[in-house]
Amino acid sequence: MDSQEVRREWRARSGEYSPAYYAYYGPDDKTDAVRAALDRHLAGPDPAILEVGSSAGRHLAGLLEAGYTDLTGVELNPEAKPVMEETYPELASQGTFHFEAIESVVSEFVDDAFDVVYSVETLQHVHPDDDWVFEALARIAGDLIVTVENEGSAEEGESVNYINDEFPLYYRDWGAIFTAFGFEQVKVEVGDRDTIRVFRAGSN
């Protein structure tokens, strides 16, 4: 798949891994991991938070319930909007959402636009042709970056895996990527499926 094909696949996704699919399951342990990272590492009231790949908003809904209110999401699949409005109406009315590709919207944000930028199993689907997006995310993250992503197995040495033989998951070392952009890794936790990493902005 080239980068345009990957985006087309996710834009039209229905059934498994669609916005309705994720809304059905709601906030989960990954939501808890993001919230714990924010509670521990963010200082000050009402931080500005961006989720990349927010789908119907299940993780942001969990943050809203925990008291975070300045919430923004970027989601490629337009079906996420009506699903969010039905499932998480408070989030839909209070948050700010961009229903377009990360690659299309990230350049619109000014430097340090958000206190924290996070992703849950989203950056792993960014095509290698669009790797420039990661530096752009570092540019707009004023304090923290949190990644909850499947990084694969170093022993296996794979760089890509096709989920259900349909769409690609690209294995990357997020620690190496974001420290190269001047962030300090302050937490890493390797789970059965995902690796949780928390990065704090440095002085670079």
Protein backbone atom coordinates (compact mmCIF):
# COMPACT_ATOMS: atom_id res chain seq x y z
CA MET A 1 0.00 0.00 0.00
CA ASP A 2 1.14 3.54 -0.66
CA SER A 3 0.30 6.38 1.73
CA GLN A 4 -2.87 7.39 -0.11
CA GLU A 5 -4.19 3.82 -0.05
CA VAL A 6 -3.56 3.59 3.69
CA ARG A 7 -5.52 6.78 4.30
CA ARG A 8 -8.37 5.65 2.03
CA GLU A 9 -8.64 2.39 3.96
CA TRP A 10 -8.98 4.14 7.32
CA ARG A 11 -11.23 6.91 5.99
CA ALA A 12 -13.82 4.37 4.81
CA ARG A 13 -13.35 1.84 7.60
CA SER A 14 -16.53 0.17 8.88
CA GLY A 15 -17.08 -2.83 11.10
CA GLU A 16 -14.00 -3.97 12.99
CA TYR A 17 -11.67 -1.08 13.99
CA SER A 18 -14.22 1.54 12.91
CA PRO A 19 -15.40 4.47 15.08
CA ALA A 20 -18.58 2.55 15.99
CA TYR A 21 -16.47 -0.47 16.95
CA TYR A 22 -14.31 1.53 19.34
CA ALA A 23 -17.26 3.50 20.75
CA TYR A 24 -18.95 0.20 21.61
CA TYR A 25 -16.01 -0.82 23.82
CA GLY A 26 -15.54 2.63 25.36
CA PRO A 27 -12.62 3.81 27.56
CA ASP A 28 -10.24 1.03 28.56
CA ASP A 29 -6.86 0.33 30.13
CA LYS A 30 -5.15 2.41 27.45
CA THR A 31 -7.31 5.36 28.47
CA ASP A 32 -6.19 4.75 32.05
CA ALA A 33 -2.55 4.71 30.94
CA VAL A 34 -2.86 8.06 29.17
CA ARG A 35 -4.72 9.60 32.11
CA ALA A 36 -2.09 8.33 34.56
CA ALA A 37 0.67 9.86 32.44
CA LEU A 38 -1.11 13.22 32.38
CA ASP A 39 -1.88 13.15 36.10
CA ARG A 40 1.74 12.41 36.93
CA HIS A 41 3.65 14.56 34.47
CA LEU A 42 1.48 17.59 33.67
CA ALA A 43 1.45 20.64 35.92
CA GLY A 44 -1.04 23.49 35.95
CA PRO A 45 -4.79 23.68 35.42
CA ASP A 46 -6.67 22.78 32.26
CA PRO A 47 -3.85 21.66 29.95
CA ALA A 48 -4.50 21.71 26.20
CA ILE A 49 -4.62 18.09 25.00
CA LEU A 50 -4.53 16.72 21.45
CA GLU A 51 -5.30 13.11 20.56
CA VAL A 52 -4.06 12.01 17.16
CA GLY A 53 -6.45 9.40 15.78
CA SER A 54 -9.27 10.14 18.21
CA SER A 55 -11.90 8.00 16.43
CA ALA A 56 -15.28 8.51 18.15
CA GLY A 57 -13.54 9.90 21.22
CA ARG A 58 -13.51 7.08 23.74
CA HIS A 59 -10.15 8.03 25.24
CA LEU A 60 -10.94 11.75 25.25
CA ALA A 61 -14.29 10.94 26.89
CA GLY A 62 -12.36 9.22 29.67
CA LEU A 63 -10.17 12.29 30.09
CA LEU A 64 -13.22 14.56 30.16
CA GLU A 65 -14.74 12.41 32.89
CA ALA A 66 -11.46 12.73 34.82
CA GLY A 67 -11.70 16.54 34.72
CA TYR A 68 -9.66 17.48 31.67
CA THR A 69 -11.66 19.92 29.54
CA ASP A 70 -9.40 21.48 26.87
CA LEU A 71 -9.61 18.57 24.43
CA THR A 72 -8.90 18.37 20.71
CA GLY A 73 -8.98 15.39 18.38
CA VAL A 74 -7.87 14.63 14.84
CA GLU A 75 -9.64 11.76 13.10
CA LEU A 76 -9.58 10.68 9.48
CA ASN A 77 -12.87 8.74 9.34
CA PRO A 78 -15.81 11.18 9.05
CA GLU A 79 -18.16 8.56 10.47
CA ALA A 80 -16.58 9.32 13.85
CA LYS A 81 -18.52 12.58 14.10
CA PRO A 82 -22.09 11.18 14.24
CA VAL A 83 -20.92 8.25 16.37
CA MET A 84 -19.36 10.66 18.85
CA GLU A 85 -22.43 12.88 18.91
CA GLU A 86 -24.57 9.87 19.80
CA THR A 87 -22.20 8.11 22.20
CA TYR A 88 -20.33 10.99 23.85
CA PRO A 89 -22.55 14.07 23.37
CA GLU A 90 -20.83 16.11 26.09
CA LEU A 91 -17.44 15.54 24.48
CA ALA A 92 -18.83 16.32 21.02
CA SER A 93 -20.20 19.67 22.18
CA GLN A 94 -17.23 20.66 24.35
CA GLY A 95 -14.20 19.42 22.40
CA THR A 96 -12.64 20.63 19.16
CA PHE A 97 -12.40 18.08 16.35
CA HIS A 98 -10.77 17.95 12.93
CA PHE A 99 -12.17 15.19 10.73
CA GLU A 100 -9.31 14.93 8.28
CA ALA A 101 -5.91 13.28 7.92
CA ILE A 102 -3.15 14.02 10.41
CA GLU A 103 -0.97 14.91 7.45
CA SER A 104 -3.48 17.57 6.36
CA VAL A 105 -4.06 19.30 9.69
CA VAL A 106 -0.84 19.13 11.70
CA SER A 107 0.87 21.94 9.80
CA GLU A 108 -1.98 24.30 10.72
CA PHE A 109 -1.05 24.28 14.41
CA VAL A 110 1.45 26.79 15.80
CA ASP A 111 4.52 25.71 17.77
CA ASP A 112 3.66 24.41 21.26
CA ALA A 113 -0.05 24.62 20.45
CA PHE A 114 -0.81 21.85 22.96
CA ASP A 115 0.56 20.94 26.36
CA VAL A 116 0.34 17.27 25.44
CA VAL A 117 -0.01 15.28 22.23
CA TYR A 118 -0.86 11.60 22.52
CA SER A 119 -1.79 8.66 20.33
CA VAL A 120 -3.22 5.22 21.02
CA GLU A 121 -2.47 2.65 18.31
CA THR A 122 -2.56 5.32 15.61
CA LEU A 123 0.98 6.42 14.75
CA GLN A 124 1.77 2.78 14.04
CA HIS A 125 -0.38 3.08 10.90
CA VAL A 126 1.34 6.16 9.47
CA HIS A 127 2.97 5.24 6.16
CA PRO A 128 6.79 5.66 5.99
CA ASP A 129 6.32 8.27 3.26
CA ASP A 130 4.68 10.45 5.92
CA ASP A 131 7.35 10.12 8.62
CA TRP A 132 7.68 13.93 8.59
CA VAL A 133 4.49 14.00 10.68
CA PHE A 134 6.38 12.86 13.78
CA GLU A 135 8.63 15.92 13.81
CA ALA A 136 5.55 18.09 13.27
CA LEU A 137 3.89 16.49 16.32
CA ALA A 138 7.00 17.19 18.37
CA ARG A 139 6.86 20.81 17.22
CA ILE A 140 3.30 21.34 18.47
CA ALA A 141 3.75 19.46 21.78
CA GLY A 142 4.77 22.04 24.36
CA ASP A 143 5.28 19.69 27.29
CA LEU A 144 4.48 16.01 26.79
CA ILE A 145 4.13 13.36 24.11
CA VAL A 146 2.53 10.04 25.08
CA THR A 147 2.57 7.04 22.74
CA VAL A 148 0.64 3.82 23.30
CA GLU A 149 1.69 1.85 20.25
CA ASN A 150 2.48 -1.67 19.08
CA GLU A 151 6.24 -1.68 18.48
CA GLY A 152 6.56 -5.33 17.54
CA SER A 153 9.35 -7.59 18.67
CA ALA A 154 12.97 -6.58 18.22
CA GLU A 155 13.90 -10.26 18.05
CA GLU A 156 11.61 -10.82 15.08
CA GLY A 157 13.13 -7.90 13.20
CA GLU A 158 9.90 -7.08 11.32
CA SER A 159 9.21 -3.54 10.17
CA VAL A 160 5.61 -4.04 9.01
CA ASN A 161 2.75 -6.41 9.70
CA TYR A 162 -0.56 -6.62 7.83
CA ILE A 163 -3.52 -6.83 10.17
CA ASN A 164 -6.08 -9.35 8.93
CA ASP A 165 -4.14 -9.23 5.65
CA GLU A 166 -5.79 -5.86 5.02
CA PHE A 167 -3.87 -2.83 6.29
CA PRO A 168 -0.31 -2.24 7.45
CA LEU A 169 1.01 -1.72 10.96
CA TYR A 170 4.52 -0.26 10.90
CA TYR A 171 6.80 -1.16 13.79
CA ARG A 172 8.89 1.76 15.04
CA ASP A 173 11.06 2.62 18.02
CA TRP A 174 9.21 5.65 19.35
CA GLY A 175 11.85 6.19 21.99
CA ALA A 176 14.48 6.79 19.32
CA ILE A 177 12.15 8.90 17.19
CA PHE A 178 11.01 11.44 19.76
CA THR A 179 14.27 11.74 21.69
CA ALA A 180 15.85 12.68 18.36
CA PHE A 181 13.48 15.68 18.31
CA GLY A 182 14.71 16.95 21.68
CA PHE A 183 12.33 15.12 24.02
CA GLU A 184 13.43 13.21 27.11
CA GLN A 185 11.85 9.82 27.68
CA VAL A 186 10.60 9.79 31.28
CA LYS A 187 8.66 6.53 31.24
CA VAL A 188 8.56 3.32 29.24
CA GLU A 189 6.34 0.34 30.01
CA VAL A 190 6.29 -2.67 27.72
CA GLY A 191 3.00 -4.55 27.76
CA ASP A 192 1.76 -7.72 26.09
CA ARG A 193 0.67 -5.76 23.03
CA ASP A 194 1.56 -2.09 23.33
CA THR A 195 4.47 -0.09 24.67
CA ILE A 196 3.59 3.03 26.65
CA ARG A 197 6.13 5.86 26.42
CA VAL A 198 6.03 9.31 27.98
CA PHE A 199 8.30 12.07 26.67
CA ARG A 200 8.93 15.47 28.21
CA ALA A 201 9.98 18.42 26.10
CA GLY A 202 13.66 19.30 26.44
CA SER A 203 15.54 22.52 25.92
CA ASN A 204 16.49 21.85 22.27
